[in-house]
Amino acid sequence: MKQSQLKSQRLPGIVVACSAALFLIGVPVRATALPEDDPPPPTLLAPEIQAAQPQAAEPATPQTTVAGTSSATPGWSFEIYGFAMLDMGHDFKQIDPNWYDTLRVTKLPKFANQFGENNSTFAGVRQSRLGVKAGTPTAIGELKTIFEFELFGTGVDEGQTTFRLRHAWGELGRIGAGQYWSPFSDPDVYPNTLEYWGPTGIPWYRNVQLRYTAISTDRSNLMFALARPGASGDQGVYANRIELQGIRARFPAPDFAAAYKYTGKWGYVRTAGMLRRINWDDTLDDAFDLSGHATGWGWNVSSNVKFGSDSVLRMQFTTGEGIQNEMNDSPVDIGIENHPSDPIRPIVGSPIPIVAYALFLDHTWSEKFSSSVGYSQQDNDNTDGQAPDAFRVGKYALGNLLYYPAKNVMMGGELQWGRRQNFSDGFHSDGFKVQFSFKYNFSWKLGGQ
């Protein structure tokens, strides 16, 4: 089966021009700090902890009003925010050159010296981000919208510094629609890392969806979503066989996802589940019928537990079958199983089981320093038709020290380690990097109270 869905989209330059035009319209302006992470700012959407967003780096939002702001536009708001970020470091091992500034364990070598010799230096600004948020009063409540992109090319843009859509989302009352975090993902479980891609063992996916929030209180949140379906398959040892060239993926129903979160003074606990239908059709007119279908399902539980005011333990456990495209860094959803006793269907597709977990501790040493340390792992139960060098186990660990010399400024260093283990040939490869990053936040807000 071919990959049916990419996690990135090209963003035409005209969109950027439109954003700039909105910024330049004649409405009252006031300056604010970047509304991203900890301490929590007044945000238009549910709070989230983004990749490479150290908590202490995000200052409180000042309420400085520029001359011209008045009560003529109460309730309206429009904010442009983002950051410029430099990543620079050294890779003591080797990785797919398109992913030079990450530690994606699926992109580590699957045989010795696949990507040349060890030791290379890297630098880039692909984590840099720009977004806009708006709040618009209506007769039935506030319309909340967000549009956000970064420069980290993926899919057909692998390895490039180019536009990549993160969020395109609108929300009015209990209904939200567009591209945003999948309910199966918990953004608040992400640690304060410098490395962009992050822990291998967590669901981490922004998907197109229609979402309904049934409960939304200070303590409880319950949501349901119908989302754009997608999956990928591995032809394994039969790759490039003519008999498989006519296989076409088909998704007869949207993915279904739901999540419930309970919050207390100690932190929160959250559980989520998802269900999907995956079909594939054999379009070749030959002696075989390789069509089939599978049901993918997943369940996870995650939590943040506070230890005083300085430490947060972030943890998550995930299990399921055929849900790899919802994971942060996993291989394919469907593998091939051999059925030699069936002359019409000698091979069949089967959803690949996965078990994954992550455990990280974020600690604030002072107003100027913080650290994150932790470990994550995923284990895929490969099917017997997959190649011996197929990805099976991924391991990921890091530790960092971050420094905040001034408001809206962060810099720091991080040690990163990862391991890839193959299915059945006994090979494994390690990744080991040191990374230094420099991040500068900005924000402008127009209108509002």
Protein backbone atom coordinates (compact mmCIF):
# COMPACT_ATOMS: atom_id res chain seq x y z
CA MET A 1 0.00 0.00 0.00
CA LYS A 2 1.22 3.44 -0.81
CA GLN A 3 1.35 6.27 1.69
CA SER A 4 -2.06 7.90 1.40
CA GLN A 5 -1.56 10.91 3.49
CA LEU A 6 1.27 13.32 4.22
CA LYS A 7 1.66 15.14 7.51
CA SER A 8 2.63 18.33 5.76
CA GLN A 9 1.34 20.53 3.02
CA ARG A 10 2.96 23.11 0.80
CA LEU A 11 1.97 26.61 1.72
CA PRO A 12 1.83 29.01 -1.25
CA GLY A 13 3.44 32.39 -0.88
CA ILE A 14 0.13 34.14 -1.34
CA VAL A 15 -0.99 32.91 2.09
CA VAL A 16 1.95 34.67 3.68
CA ALA A 17 1.11 37.82 1.77
CA CYS A 18 -2.48 37.65 3.03
CA SER A 19 -1.26 37.30 6.60
CA ALA A 20 0.93 40.36 6.17
CA ALA A 21 -1.97 42.30 4.70
CA LEU A 22 -4.15 41.49 7.69
CA PHE A 23 -1.36 42.68 9.95
CA LEU A 24 -1.20 45.99 8.15
CA ILE A 25 -4.89 46.85 8.30
CA GLY A 26 -5.84 49.95 10.22
CA VAL A 27 -6.89 48.71 13.66
CA PRO A 28 -5.64 49.58 17.15
CA VAL A 29 -2.41 47.91 18.21
CA ARG A 30 -0.83 46.90 21.47
CA ALA A 31 2.40 45.02 22.13
CA THR A 32 2.43 41.67 23.93
CA ALA A 33 4.77 38.77 24.60
CA LEU A 34 4.44 35.45 22.78
CA PRO A 35 1.35 33.53 23.97
CA GLU A 36 2.58 29.97 23.94
CA ASP A 37 3.48 27.91 26.97
CA ASP A 38 4.25 28.23 30.66
CA PRO A 39 3.24 30.45 32.38
CA PRO A 40 -0.15 30.01 30.66
CA PRO A 41 -1.22 33.11 28.70
CA PRO A 42 -4.76 34.08 27.76
CA THR A 43 -5.09 31.79 24.72
CA LEU A 44 -7.83 31.47 22.14
CA LEU A 45 -7.66 27.69 22.03
CA ALA A 46 -6.91 24.84 24.38
CA PRO A 47 -3.44 25.18 25.98
CA GLU A 48 -0.71 23.18 24.29
CA ILE A 49 2.97 22.56 24.82
CA GLN A 50 4.74 22.68 21.48
CA ALA A 51 7.99 21.11 20.38
CA ALA A 52 11.03 23.08 21.46
CA GLN A 53 8.95 25.42 23.63
CA PRO A 54 10.74 25.59 27.00
CA GLN A 55 8.29 26.52 29.73
CA ALA A 56 10.27 29.18 31.45
CA ALA A 57 11.00 30.82 28.11
CA GLU A 58 7.47 32.11 27.77
CA PRO A 59 6.84 35.27 29.82
CA ALA A 60 3.55 36.60 31.06
CA THR A 61 1.59 38.81 28.68
CA PRO A 62 1.89 42.52 29.57
CA GLN A 63 -1.15 44.75 29.21
CA THR A 64 0.44 47.84 27.66
CA THR A 65 -2.11 49.73 25.56
CA VAL A 66 -0.90 51.82 22.66
CA ALA A 67 -2.65 55.12 21.94
CA GLY A 68 -5.63 54.52 19.70
CA THR A 69 -7.00 51.42 21.46
CA SER A 70 -10.51 52.10 22.68
CA SER A 71 -13.78 50.41 23.50
CA ALA A 72 -14.86 50.82 19.87
CA THR A 73 -13.84 47.23 19.16
CA PRO A 74 -14.57 45.31 22.40
CA GLY A 75 -14.05 41.56 22.19
CA TRP A 76 -12.19 41.62 18.89
CA SER A 77 -8.59 40.43 18.81
CA PHE A 78 -6.01 39.60 16.19
CA GLU A 79 -2.53 38.43 17.13
CA ILE A 80 0.59 37.67 15.13
CA TYR A 81 3.14 35.62 17.03
CA GLY A 82 6.08 33.29 16.53
CA PHE A 83 9.79 32.92 17.05
CA ALA A 84 13.09 32.78 15.22
CA MET A 85 15.21 29.81 16.25
CA LEU A 86 18.70 28.61 15.41
CA ASP A 87 19.72 24.97 15.94
CA MET A 88 23.40 24.09 15.72
CA GLY A 89 25.19 20.95 16.80
CA HIS A 90 27.24 17.86 16.07
CA ASP A 91 26.14 14.35 15.13
CA PHE A 92 28.71 11.85 16.39
CA LYS A 93 27.03 9.04 14.44
CA GLN A 94 24.98 9.26 11.21
CA ILE A 95 21.38 9.73 10.10
CA ASP A 96 19.40 10.20 6.88
CA PRO A 97 20.74 13.55 5.54
CA ASN A 98 17.19 14.87 5.08
CA TRP A 99 16.79 14.68 8.87
CA TYR A 100 20.19 16.06 9.86
CA ASP A 101 18.84 18.33 12.62
CA THR A 102 16.60 15.74 14.30
CA LEU A 103 17.00 12.45 16.12
CA ARG A 104 14.31 10.45 14.35
CA VAL A 105 15.09 6.84 15.27
CA THR A 106 13.27 5.56 12.16
CA LYS A 107 15.79 7.53 10.07
CA LEU A 108 18.89 5.98 11.66
CA PRO A 109 20.85 3.52 9.47
CA LYS A 110 19.29 0.09 8.89
CA PHE A 111 22.67 -1.33 7.84
CA ALA A 112 26.27 -0.32 8.51
CA ASN A 113 27.35 3.01 7.01
CA GLN A 114 24.08 3.43 5.09
CA PHE A 115 24.60 7.21 5.19
CA GLY A 116 28.38 7.31 4.97
CA GLU A 117 30.85 7.88 7.79
CA ASN A 118 30.17 9.17 11.30
CA ASN A 119 30.65 12.75 12.55
CA SER A 120 28.97 15.73 10.93
CA THR A 121 28.07 19.25 12.00
CA PHE A 122 24.63 20.72 11.36
CA ALA A 123 22.89 24.09 11.59
CA GLY A 124 19.46 25.33 10.60
CA VAL A 125 16.48 27.55 11.35
CA ARG A 126 13.72 25.11 10.39
CA GLN A 127 11.99 25.28 13.78
CA SER A 128 11.20 28.98 13.32
CA ARG A 129 7.48 29.64 13.41
CA LEU A 130 4.82 32.21 12.50
CA GLY A 131 1.16 32.18 13.43
CA VAL A 132 -1.95 34.29 13.77
CA LYS A 133 -4.84 33.93 16.24
CA ALA A 134 -8.12 35.79 16.16
CA GLY A 135 -11.15 36.16 18.36
CA THR A 136 -14.36 37.42 16.78
CA PRO A 137 -17.57 38.08 18.74
CA THR A 138 -20.75 36.60 17.26
CA ALA A 139 -24.37 36.37 18.33
CA ILE A 140 -23.77 32.84 19.64
CA GLY A 141 -20.36 33.27 21.24
CA GLU A 142 -16.75 33.93 20.38
CA LEU A 143 -15.36 32.59 17.10
CA LYS A 144 -11.78 31.46 17.71
CA THR A 145 -9.40 30.87 14.82
CA ILE A 146 -5.73 30.02 14.42
CA PHE A 147 -3.43 29.74 11.42
CA GLU A 148 0.16 28.65 12.04
CA PHE A 149 3.11 27.37 10.05
CA GLU A 150 6.79 26.59 10.48
CA LEU A 151 9.74 26.04 8.15
CA PHE A 152 10.36 22.32 8.67
CA GLY A 153 9.92 20.57 5.34
CA THR A 154 8.54 17.02 5.38
CA GLY A 155 7.03 14.64 2.83
CA VAL A 156 8.00 15.79 -0.67
CA ASP A 157 9.88 18.68 1.00
CA GLU A 158 12.10 16.49 3.20
CA GLY A 159 15.34 18.20 4.14
CA GLN A 160 14.24 21.64 2.98
CA THR A 161 13.66 24.88 4.84
CA THR A 162 10.17 25.61 3.54
CA PHE A 163 6.63 26.38 4.67
CA ARG A 164 4.80 23.62 6.52
CA LEU A 165 1.25 24.04 7.80
CA ARG A 166 0.74 23.29 11.49
CA HIS A 167 -2.73 24.59 12.30
CA ALA A 168 -5.66 25.94 10.28
CA TRP A 169 -8.50 25.84 12.79
CA GLY A 170 -11.78 27.48 13.69
CA GLU A 171 -13.90 26.96 16.79
CA LEU A 172 -17.31 28.33 17.74
CA GLY A 173 -18.95 27.07 20.92
CA ARG A 174 -18.65 23.28 21.09
CA ILE A 175 -17.82 22.77 17.41
CA GLY A 176 -14.31 23.00 15.95
CA ALA A 177 -13.17 22.27 12.40
CA GLY A 178 -9.94 22.36 10.38
CA GLN A 179 -6.45 21.06 11.07
CA TYR A 180 -5.43 20.86 14.72
CA TRP A 181 -4.16 18.37 17.29
CA SER A 182 -5.77 14.96 16.98
CA PRO A 183 -7.72 14.06 20.14
CA PHE A 184 -5.54 10.94 20.26
CA SER A 185 -2.51 13.21 20.89
CA ASP A 186 -1.84 14.97 24.19
CA PRO A 187 0.24 18.11 23.49
CA ASP A 188 0.87 18.68 27.20
CA VAL A 189 2.87 15.46 27.54
CA TYR A 190 5.64 16.81 25.28
CA PRO A 191 8.82 17.66 27.29
CA ASN A 192 10.80 20.91 27.02
CA THR A 193 13.28 19.72 24.41
CA LEU A 194 15.50 21.44 21.90
CA GLU A 195 15.48 18.51 19.46
CA TYR A 196 12.64 19.10 17.03
CA TRP A 197 11.05 15.71 16.38
CA GLY A 198 10.81 14.61 20.01
CA PRO A 199 10.12 11.33 21.85
CA THR A 200 9.55 8.29 19.66
CA GLY A 201 6.91 6.71 21.90
CA ILE A 202 4.09 9.29 21.93
CA PRO A 203 1.11 9.96 19.65
CA TRP A 204 1.83 13.32 17.99
CA TYR A 205 -0.31 14.27 15.03
CA ARG A 206 -2.10 17.34 13.69
CA ASN A 207 -4.99 16.13 11.56
CA VAL A 208 -7.91 17.54 9.59
CA GLN A 209 -11.04 16.95 11.68
CA LEU A 210 -14.52 17.92 12.77
CA ARG A 211 -14.56 18.02 16.57
CA TYR A 212 -17.30 18.24 19.18
CA THR A 213 -16.48 19.15 22.78
CA ALA A 214 -19.19 17.66 24.99
CA ILE A 215 -17.72 18.82 28.33
CA SER A 216 -15.41 21.76 28.96
CA THR A 217 -14.92 22.84 32.58
CA ASP A 218 -11.96 23.71 34.78
CA ARG A 219 -11.76 20.06 35.85
CA SER A 220 -13.13 17.99 32.98
CA ASN A 221 -12.90 17.95 29.20
CA LEU A 222 -14.51 15.44 26.86
CA MET A 223 -14.18 15.61 23.07
CA PHE A 224 -15.06 13.52 20.02
CA ALA A 225 -13.78 13.90 16.46
CA LEU A 226 -14.22 12.56 12.95
CA ALA A 227 -10.85 12.91 11.24
CA ARG A 228 -9.23 12.53 7.84
CA PRO A 229 -8.24 8.86 7.47
CA GLY A 230 -4.84 7.66 6.39
CA ALA A 231 -2.39 4.79 6.68
CA SER A 232 0.63 3.27 4.96
CA GLY A 233 1.70 -0.27 4.12
CA ASP A 234 4.91 -2.25 3.82
CA GLN A 235 5.27 -4.65 0.88
CA GLY A 236 8.15 -6.25 2.74
CA VAL A 237 10.07 -9.01 1.01
CA TYR A 238 7.61 -8.78 -1.92
CA ALA A 239 8.40 -5.15 -2.72
CA ASN A 240 8.49 -4.39 -6.45
CA ARG A 241 6.63 -7.58 -7.35
CA ILE A 242 4.30 -6.95 -10.29
CA GLU A 243 1.41 -8.55 -8.42
CA LEU A 244 1.51 -5.76 -5.83
CA GLN A 245 1.70 -2.82 -8.21
CA GLY A 246 -2.08 -2.61 -8.52
CA ILE A 247 -2.81 -2.31 -4.79
CA ARG A 248 -4.70 0.91 -4.00
CA ALA A 249 -5.59 2.18 -0.55
CA ARG A 250 -9.17 3.14 0.24
CA PHE A 251 -10.73 4.54 3.40
CA PRO A 252 -14.52 4.04 3.48
CA ALA A 253 -15.03 5.99 6.73
CA PRO A 254 -13.36 8.79 8.70
CA ASP A 255 -11.15 7.98 11.66
CA PHE A 256 -12.96 8.30 14.99
CA ALA A 257 -11.17 9.62 18.07
CA ALA A 258 -12.25 10.59 21.57
CA ALA A 259 -10.46 11.90 24.66
CA TYR A 260 -11.31 12.66 28.29
CA LYS A 261 -9.15 14.75 30.64
CA TYR A 262 -9.51 15.30 34.39
CA THR A 263 -7.55 18.14 35.99
CA GLY A 264 -6.73 18.70 39.67
CA LYS A 265 -4.33 20.80 41.70
CA TRP A 266 -1.78 17.98 41.46
CA GLY A 267 -1.87 17.91 37.65
CA TYR A 268 -4.10 15.91 35.30
CA VAL A 269 -4.81 12.49 33.86
CA ARG A 270 -6.05 11.98 30.31
CA THR A 271 -7.19 8.97 28.29
CA ALA A 272 -7.87 8.74 24.56
CA GLY A 273 -8.93 6.16 22.02
CA MET A 274 -9.29 5.88 18.27
CA LEU A 275 -10.82 3.55 15.68
CA ARG A 276 -10.21 3.37 11.92
CA ARG A 277 -11.08 1.29 8.87
CA ILE A 278 -8.35 0.58 6.30
CA ASN A 279 -9.15 -1.04 2.94
CA TRP A 280 -6.94 -1.91 0.00
CA ASP A 281 -8.09 -2.99 -3.46
CA ASP A 282 -6.27 -5.19 -5.96
CA THR A 283 -6.85 -3.55 -9.35
CA LEU A 284 -4.78 -6.00 -11.43
CA ASP A 285 -6.59 -8.55 -13.56
CA ASP A 286 -4.54 -11.66 -12.74
CA ALA A 287 -4.81 -14.98 -10.91
CA PHE A 288 -4.61 -13.41 -7.45
CA ASP A 289 -7.03 -11.42 -5.32
CA LEU A 290 -4.94 -9.44 -2.84
CA SER A 291 -7.71 -7.07 -1.75
CA GLY A 292 -8.37 -6.83 1.96
CA HIS A 293 -9.22 -4.67 4.92
CA ALA A 294 -8.23 -4.14 8.53
CA THR A 295 -9.45 -2.37 11.65
CA GLY A 296 -6.98 -0.11 13.38
CA TRP A 297 -7.49 0.79 17.02
CA GLY A 298 -5.54 2.58 19.71
CA TRP A 299 -5.71 3.55 23.36
CA ASN A 300 -3.45 5.72 25.48
CA VAL A 301 -3.30 7.22 28.93
CA SER A 302 -1.19 10.25 29.80
CA SER A 303 -0.56 12.48 32.80
CA ASN A 304 1.28 15.49 34.17
CA VAL A 305 2.07 15.27 37.87
CA LYS A 306 3.39 18.35 39.67
CA PHE A 307 6.04 18.10 42.36
CA GLY A 308 5.86 21.42 44.13
CA SER A 309 6.10 24.47 41.91
CA ASP A 310 9.38 23.53 40.22
CA SER A 311 8.94 20.06 38.68
CA VAL A 312 6.49 18.32 36.35
CA LEU A 313 6.55 14.61 35.50
CA ARG A 314 5.17 14.00 32.00
CA MET A 315 4.25 10.42 31.11
CA GLN A 316 2.25 8.44 28.57
CA PHE A 317 1.52 4.83 27.63
CA THR A 318 0.08 3.84 24.23
CA THR A 319 -1.00 0.56 22.66
CA GLY A 320 -2.92 -0.46 19.56
CA GLU A 321 -2.79 -1.89 16.05
CA GLY A 322 -2.51 -0.04 12.74
CA ILE A 323 -2.13 3.41 14.36
CA GLN A 324 1.50 4.15 13.46
CA ASN A 325 0.66 7.25 11.40
CA GLU A 326 -0.73 8.85 14.57
CA MET A 327 2.58 8.28 16.37
CA ASN A 328 5.42 10.77 16.50
CA ASP A 329 8.03 8.62 14.79
CA SER A 330 6.76 5.17 13.78
CA PRO A 331 6.95 3.03 10.64
CA VAL A 332 4.02 1.68 8.61
CA ASP A 333 0.52 0.71 9.77
CA ILE A 334 -0.01 -2.45 7.68
CA GLY A 335 2.43 -5.34 7.14
CA ILE A 336 2.30 -8.48 5.00
CA GLU A 337 1.62 -11.94 6.39
CA ASN A 338 2.26 -15.14 4.41
CA HIS A 339 -0.65 -17.49 3.66
CA PRO A 340 1.01 -20.09 1.39
CA SER A 341 -1.92 -22.51 1.68
CA ASP A 342 -4.25 -20.11 -0.18
CA PRO A 343 -3.49 -20.08 -3.94
CA ILE A 344 -5.76 -17.09 -4.60
CA ARG A 345 -4.58 -14.97 -1.66
CA PRO A 346 -1.08 -16.19 -0.71
CA ILE A 347 -0.32 -12.99 1.20
CA VAL A 348 -2.58 -10.76 3.28
CA GLY A 349 -2.26 -7.40 4.96
CA SER A 350 -2.36 -7.17 8.74
CA PRO A 351 -2.31 -4.19 11.14
CA ILE A 352 0.99 -4.02 13.02
CA PRO A 353 0.64 -4.01 16.84
CA ILE A 354 2.55 -1.33 18.75
CA VAL A 355 3.33 -0.62 22.41
CA ALA A 356 4.96 2.69 23.34
CA TYR A 357 5.68 4.85 26.36
CA ALA A 358 7.41 8.05 27.43
CA LEU A 359 8.60 9.39 30.80
CA PHE A 360 10.15 12.85 31.19
CA LEU A 361 10.85 15.21 34.08
CA ASP A 362 10.88 18.99 33.53
CA HIS A 363 12.52 20.93 36.35
CA THR A 364 12.92 24.68 36.85
CA TRP A 365 16.13 25.45 38.75
CA SER A 366 15.50 29.20 38.97
CA GLU A 367 14.04 32.06 36.95
CA LYS A 368 17.04 31.75 34.62
CA PHE A 369 17.56 27.99 34.28
CA SER A 370 15.52 24.84 33.60
CA SER A 371 16.17 21.26 32.51
CA SER A 372 14.40 18.29 30.98
CA VAL A 373 15.49 14.66 31.15
CA GLY A 374 13.73 11.46 30.15
CA TYR A 375 13.31 8.33 28.05
CA SER A 376 10.85 7.02 25.44
CA GLN A 377 10.44 3.74 23.54
CA GLN A 378 8.22 2.02 21.00
CA ASP A 379 8.03 -1.67 20.09
CA ASN A 380 6.38 -2.89 16.86
CA ASP A 381 5.33 -6.53 16.49
CA ASN A 382 6.40 -7.05 12.88
CA THR A 383 4.54 -9.37 10.51
CA ASP A 384 6.36 -12.36 8.98
CA GLY A 385 6.33 -10.91 5.46
CA GLN A 386 8.32 -7.81 6.39
CA ALA A 387 11.97 -7.54 5.42
CA PRO A 388 14.62 -8.51 8.00
CA ASP A 389 15.82 -4.88 8.13
CA ALA A 390 12.34 -3.44 8.81
CA PHE A 391 12.10 -1.11 11.80
CA ARG A 392 11.03 -2.86 15.01
CA VAL A 393 12.17 -1.01 18.18
CA GLY A 394 12.98 2.66 18.72
CA LYS A 395 14.59 4.12 21.85
CA TYR A 396 15.11 7.80 22.65
CA ALA A 397 16.64 9.70 25.58
CA LEU A 398 17.90 13.21 26.26
CA GLY A 399 18.93 15.71 28.88
CA ASN A 400 19.32 19.49 28.60
CA LEU A 401 20.09 22.73 30.38
CA LEU A 402 18.21 25.83 29.19
CA TYR A 403 19.04 29.45 30.03
CA TYR A 404 16.69 32.47 29.85
CA PRO A 405 18.81 35.64 29.98
CA ALA A 406 15.88 37.96 29.23
CA LYS A 407 12.18 37.95 28.51
CA ASN A 408 11.38 36.23 25.20
CA VAL A 409 14.91 34.81 24.87
CA MET A 410 16.06 31.22 25.41
CA MET A 411 19.35 29.45 24.75
CA GLY A 412 20.66 26.10 25.83
CA GLY A 413 22.40 22.82 25.16
CA GLU A 414 21.15 19.23 24.93
CA LEU A 415 22.58 15.71 24.74
CA GLN A 416 20.49 13.29 22.65
CA TRP A 417 20.67 9.52 22.19
CA GLY A 418 18.56 7.18 20.09
CA ARG A 419 18.59 3.57 18.91
CA ARG A 420 17.00 1.70 16.02
CA GLN A 421 16.62 -2.10 16.15
CA ASN A 422 15.70 -4.07 13.04
CA PHE A 423 13.10 -6.81 12.77
CA SER A 424 15.10 -10.02 12.42
CA ASP A 425 18.62 -9.49 11.06
CA GLY A 426 20.12 -8.61 14.45
CA PHE A 427 21.30 -5.16 13.36
CA HIS A 428 20.92 -2.01 15.44
CA SER A 429 22.26 1.52 15.07
CA ASP A 430 22.71 4.34 17.57
CA GLY A 431 22.36 8.08 17.22
CA PHE A 432 24.25 10.47 19.50
CA LYS A 433 24.13 14.24 19.17
CA VAL A 434 24.87 17.44 21.02
CA GLN A 435 22.69 20.43 20.08
CA PHE A 436 22.72 24.12 20.98
CA SER A 437 19.72 26.33 20.26
CA PHE A 438 18.91 30.05 20.39
CA LYS A 439 15.28 31.16 20.35
CA TYR A 440 13.77 34.66 20.12
CA ASN A 441 10.00 35.11 20.56
CA PHE A 442 7.82 37.90 19.20
CA SER A 443 4.15 38.88 19.23
CA TRP A 444 1.83 41.72 18.19
CA LYS A 445 -1.81 41.94 19.16
CA LEU A 446 -4.42 44.13 17.48
CA GLY A 447 -7.73 45.12 19.02
CA GLY A 448 -9.17 43.25 21.98
CA GLN A 449 -10.32 44.44 25.36
